[in-house]
Amino acid sequence: MGLFQWGEKRFARGIAKAMIRSFLLYKTNDPNLNELGLVRQALSDRPGNAAKELLKELDDNEFWVNTAGSSFFEVVYLLVRMEYLEHMKGTIVDENIKTLSIFKDVIKNEFTNSNL
């Protein structure tokens, strides 16, 4: 994995933008929801197995606190990684440090641009 950075950037940007848009929509429509509630709602809008798996994991508070660091950013990062592996028909062994860095940078940029 990792032959074409532009493809990886585009992949991560598309998911990050969709998740941020959904998160902000729910935040506007229900300002009483906490961050975990907003993350759950945004994930519930996302098609595919990766989002469903993350939703199940979020039922465990330890996952939210320890793995996701109680952070929407980290959930989006995990989602991008999981969807990318699924798309590439790869496994965790196939992950490339450079690709992971690209994902993090792209997601961080999208969060910054959206004022999250």
C-alpha atoms as a PDB file:
ATOM      1  CA  MET A   1       0.000   0.000   0.000  1.00  0.00           C
ATOM      2  CA  GLY A   2       1.037   3.547  -0.392  1.00  0.00           C
ATOM      3  CA  LEU A   3       1.996   3.850  -4.042  1.00  0.00           C
ATOM      4  CA  PHE A   4       0.021   6.994  -4.792  1.00  0.00           C
ATOM      5  CA  GLN A   5      -0.160   9.582  -2.039  1.00  0.00           C
ATOM      6  CA  TRP A   6      -2.792  11.607  -3.849  1.00  0.00           C
ATOM      7  CA  GLY A   7      -5.177   8.648  -3.738  1.00  0.00           C
ATOM      8  CA  GLU A   8      -4.593   8.126  -0.040  1.00  0.00           C
ATOM      9  CA  LYS A   9      -5.105  11.835   0.617  1.00  0.00           C
ATOM     10  CA  ARG A  10      -8.315  11.869  -1.385  1.00  0.00           C
ATOM     11  CA  PHE A  11      -9.564   8.748   0.382  1.00  0.00           C
ATOM     12  CA  ALA A  12      -8.934  10.178   3.863  1.00  0.00           C
ATOM     13  CA  ARG A  13     -10.277  13.628   2.936  1.00  0.00           C
ATOM     14  CA  GLY A  14     -13.572  12.224   1.670  1.00  0.00           C
ATOM     15  CA  ILE A  15     -14.245  10.237   4.820  1.00  0.00           C
ATOM     16  CA  ALA A  16     -13.110  13.033   7.133  1.00  0.00           C
ATOM     17  CA  LYS A  17     -15.299  15.621   5.392  1.00  0.00           C
ATOM     18  CA  ALA A  18     -18.353  13.365   5.488  1.00  0.00           C
ATOM     19  CA  MET A  19     -17.860  12.561   9.174  1.00  0.00           C
ATOM     20  CA  ILE A  20     -17.271  16.212  10.110  1.00  0.00           C
ATOM     21  CA  ARG A  21     -20.332  17.328   8.156  1.00  0.00           C
ATOM     22  CA  SER A  22     -22.479  14.719   9.898  1.00  0.00           C
ATOM     23  CA  PHE A  23     -21.009  15.541  13.344  1.00  0.00           C
ATOM     24  CA  LEU A  24     -21.655  19.277  12.905  1.00  0.00           C
ATOM     25  CA  LEU A  25     -25.183  18.668  11.626  1.00  0.00           C
ATOM     26  CA  TYR A  26     -26.035  16.616  14.709  1.00  0.00           C
ATOM     27  CA  LYS A  27     -24.338  19.180  16.953  1.00  0.00           C
ATOM     28  CA  THR A  28     -26.525  21.918  15.477  1.00  0.00           C
ATOM     29  CA  ASN A  29     -29.720  19.866  15.645  1.00  0.00           C
ATOM     30  CA  ASP A  30     -29.150  18.518  19.151  1.00  0.00           C
ATOM     31  CA  PRO A  31     -26.821  20.782  21.153  1.00  0.00           C
ATOM     32  CA  ASN A  32     -27.430  18.672  24.289  1.00  0.00           C
ATOM     33  CA  LEU A  33     -25.560  15.664  22.883  1.00  0.00           C
ATOM     34  CA  ASN A  34     -22.081  15.154  24.318  1.00  0.00           C
ATOM     35  CA  GLU A  35     -19.127  14.350  22.053  1.00  0.00           C
ATOM     36  CA  LEU A  36     -19.585  10.592  22.362  1.00  0.00           C
ATOM     37  CA  GLY A  37     -23.255  10.907  21.422  1.00  0.00           C
ATOM     38  CA  LEU A  38     -22.344  13.049  18.426  1.00  0.00           C
ATOM     39  CA  VAL A  39     -19.690  10.544  17.351  1.00  0.00           C
ATOM     40  CA  ARG A  40     -22.204   7.708  17.579  1.00  0.00           C
ATOM     41  CA  GLN A  41     -24.742   9.621  15.499  1.00  0.00           C
ATOM     42  CA  ALA A  42     -22.148  10.507  12.847  1.00  0.00           C
ATOM     43  CA  LEU A  43     -20.949   6.890  12.673  1.00  0.00           C
ATOM     44  CA  SER A  44     -24.515   5.637  12.374  1.00  0.00           C
ATOM     45  CA  ASP A  45     -24.826   7.607   9.120  1.00  0.00           C
ATOM     46  CA  ARG A  46     -21.718   5.980   7.652  1.00  0.00           C
ATOM     47  CA  PRO A  47     -22.269   2.922   5.458  1.00  0.00           C
ATOM     48  CA  GLY A  48     -20.068  -0.121   5.654  1.00  0.00           C
ATOM     49  CA  ASN A  49     -18.673  -2.618   8.095  1.00  0.00           C
ATOM     50  CA  ALA A  50     -15.963  -0.378   9.548  1.00  0.00           C
ATOM     51  CA  ALA A  51     -18.481   2.110  10.959  1.00  0.00           C
ATOM     52  CA  LYS A  52     -20.627  -0.713  12.322  1.00  0.00           C
ATOM     53  CA  GLU A  53     -17.606  -2.254  14.037  1.00  0.00           C
ATOM     54  CA  LEU A  54     -16.617   1.067  15.570  1.00  0.00           C
ATOM     55  CA  LEU A  55     -20.174   1.628  16.801  1.00  0.00           C
ATOM     56  CA  LYS A  56     -20.037  -1.733  18.575  1.00  0.00           C
ATOM     57  CA  GLU A  57     -16.658  -0.850  20.081  1.00  0.00           C
ATOM     58  CA  LEU A  58     -18.028   2.474  21.344  1.00  0.00           C
ATOM     59  CA  ASP A  59     -20.474   0.547  23.517  1.00  0.00           C
ATOM     60  CA  ASP A  60     -17.423  -0.231  25.647  1.00  0.00           C
ATOM     61  CA  ASN A  61     -16.510   2.933  27.544  1.00  0.00           C
ATOM     62  CA  GLU A  62     -12.906   1.728  27.849  1.00  0.00           C
ATOM     63  CA  PHE A  63     -12.593   1.766  24.067  1.00  0.00           C
ATOM     64  CA  TRP A  64     -13.817   5.374  23.937  1.00  0.00           C
ATOM     65  CA  VAL A  65     -11.442   6.457  26.695  1.00  0.00           C
ATOM     66  CA  ASN A  66      -8.360   4.310  26.087  1.00  0.00           C
ATOM     67  CA  THR A  67      -8.313   3.495  22.377  1.00  0.00           C
ATOM     68  CA  ALA A  68     -10.060   6.548  20.952  1.00  0.00           C
ATOM     69  CA  GLY A  69      -8.741   8.922  23.608  1.00  0.00           C
ATOM     70  CA  SER A  70     -12.268  10.333  24.006  1.00  0.00           C
ATOM     71  CA  SER A  71     -11.677  12.070  20.689  1.00  0.00           C
ATOM     72  CA  PHE A  72     -13.750  12.410  17.531  1.00  0.00           C
ATOM     73  CA  PHE A  73     -10.477  12.912  15.637  1.00  0.00           C
ATOM     74  CA  GLU A  74      -9.181   9.502  16.739  1.00  0.00           C
ATOM     75  CA  VAL A  75     -12.455   7.805  15.775  1.00  0.00           C
ATOM     76  CA  VAL A  76     -12.252   9.335  12.295  1.00  0.00           C
ATOM     77  CA  TYR A  77      -8.608   8.230  12.045  1.00  0.00           C
ATOM     78  CA  LEU A  78      -9.542   4.667  13.018  1.00  0.00           C
ATOM     79  CA  LEU A  79     -12.437   4.714  10.560  1.00  0.00           C
ATOM     80  CA  VAL A  80     -10.203   5.873   7.704  1.00  0.00           C
ATOM     81  CA  ARG A  81      -7.665   3.154   8.493  1.00  0.00           C
ATOM     82  CA  MET A  82     -10.323   0.445   8.700  1.00  0.00           C
ATOM     83  CA  GLU A  83     -12.092   1.521   5.502  1.00  0.00           C
ATOM     84  CA  TYR A  84      -8.775   1.770   3.661  1.00  0.00           C
ATOM     85  CA  LEU A  85      -7.764  -1.731   4.694  1.00  0.00           C
ATOM     86  CA  GLU A  86     -11.181  -3.011   3.663  1.00  0.00           C
ATOM     87  CA  HIS A  87     -10.962  -1.179   0.336  1.00  0.00           C
ATOM     88  CA  MET A  88      -7.467  -2.490  -0.353  1.00  0.00           C
ATOM     89  CA  LYS A  89      -8.393  -5.968   0.900  1.00  0.00           C
ATOM     90  CA  GLY A  90      -5.497  -5.725   3.327  1.00  0.00           C
ATOM     91  CA  THR A  91      -4.850  -6.483   6.948  1.00  0.00           C
ATOM     92  CA  ILE A  92      -3.291  -4.557   9.804  1.00  0.00           C
ATOM     93  CA  VAL A  93       0.043  -6.116   8.800  1.00  0.00           C
ATOM     94  CA  ASP A  94      -0.218  -4.289   5.468  1.00  0.00           C
ATOM     95  CA  GLU A  95      -0.412  -0.841   7.060  1.00  0.00           C
ATOM     96  CA  ASN A  96       2.369   1.501   6.074  1.00  0.00           C
ATOM     97  CA  ILE A  97       3.743   4.142   8.469  1.00  0.00           C
ATOM     98  CA  LYS A  98       3.868   6.703   5.658  1.00  0.00           C
ATOM     99  CA  THR A  99       0.237   6.048   4.743  1.00  0.00           C
ATOM    100  CA  LEU A 100      -0.828   6.396   8.381  1.00  0.00           C
ATOM    101  CA  SER A 101       1.034   9.700   8.577  1.00  0.00           C
ATOM    102  CA  ILE A 102      -0.698  10.930   5.428  1.00  0.00           C
ATOM    103  CA  PHE A 103      -4.076   9.969   6.887  1.00  0.00           C
ATOM    104  CA  LYS A 104      -3.365  11.810  10.142  1.00  0.00           C
ATOM    105  CA  ASP A 105      -2.180  14.953   8.344  1.00  0.00           C
ATOM    106  CA  VAL A 106      -5.176  15.049   6.005  1.00  0.00           C
ATOM    107  CA  ILE A 107      -7.660  14.489   8.830  1.00  0.00           C
ATOM    108  CA  LYS A 108      -5.960  17.113  10.996  1.00  0.00           C
ATOM    109  CA  ASN A 109      -6.189  19.585   8.117  1.00  0.00           C
ATOM    110  CA  GLU A 110      -9.895  18.888   7.623  1.00  0.00           C
ATOM    111  CA  PHE A 111     -10.529  19.334  11.369  1.00  0.00           C
ATOM    112  CA  THR A 112      -8.619  22.603  11.342  1.00  0.00           C
ATOM    113  CA  ASN A 113     -10.527  23.879   8.308  1.00  0.00           C
ATOM    114  CA  SER A 114     -13.841  23.035   9.963  1.00  0.00           C
ATOM    115  CA  ASN A 115     -12.882  24.695  13.282  1.00  0.00           C
ATOM    116  CA  LEU A 116     -13.344  21.480  15.242  1.00  0.00           C
END
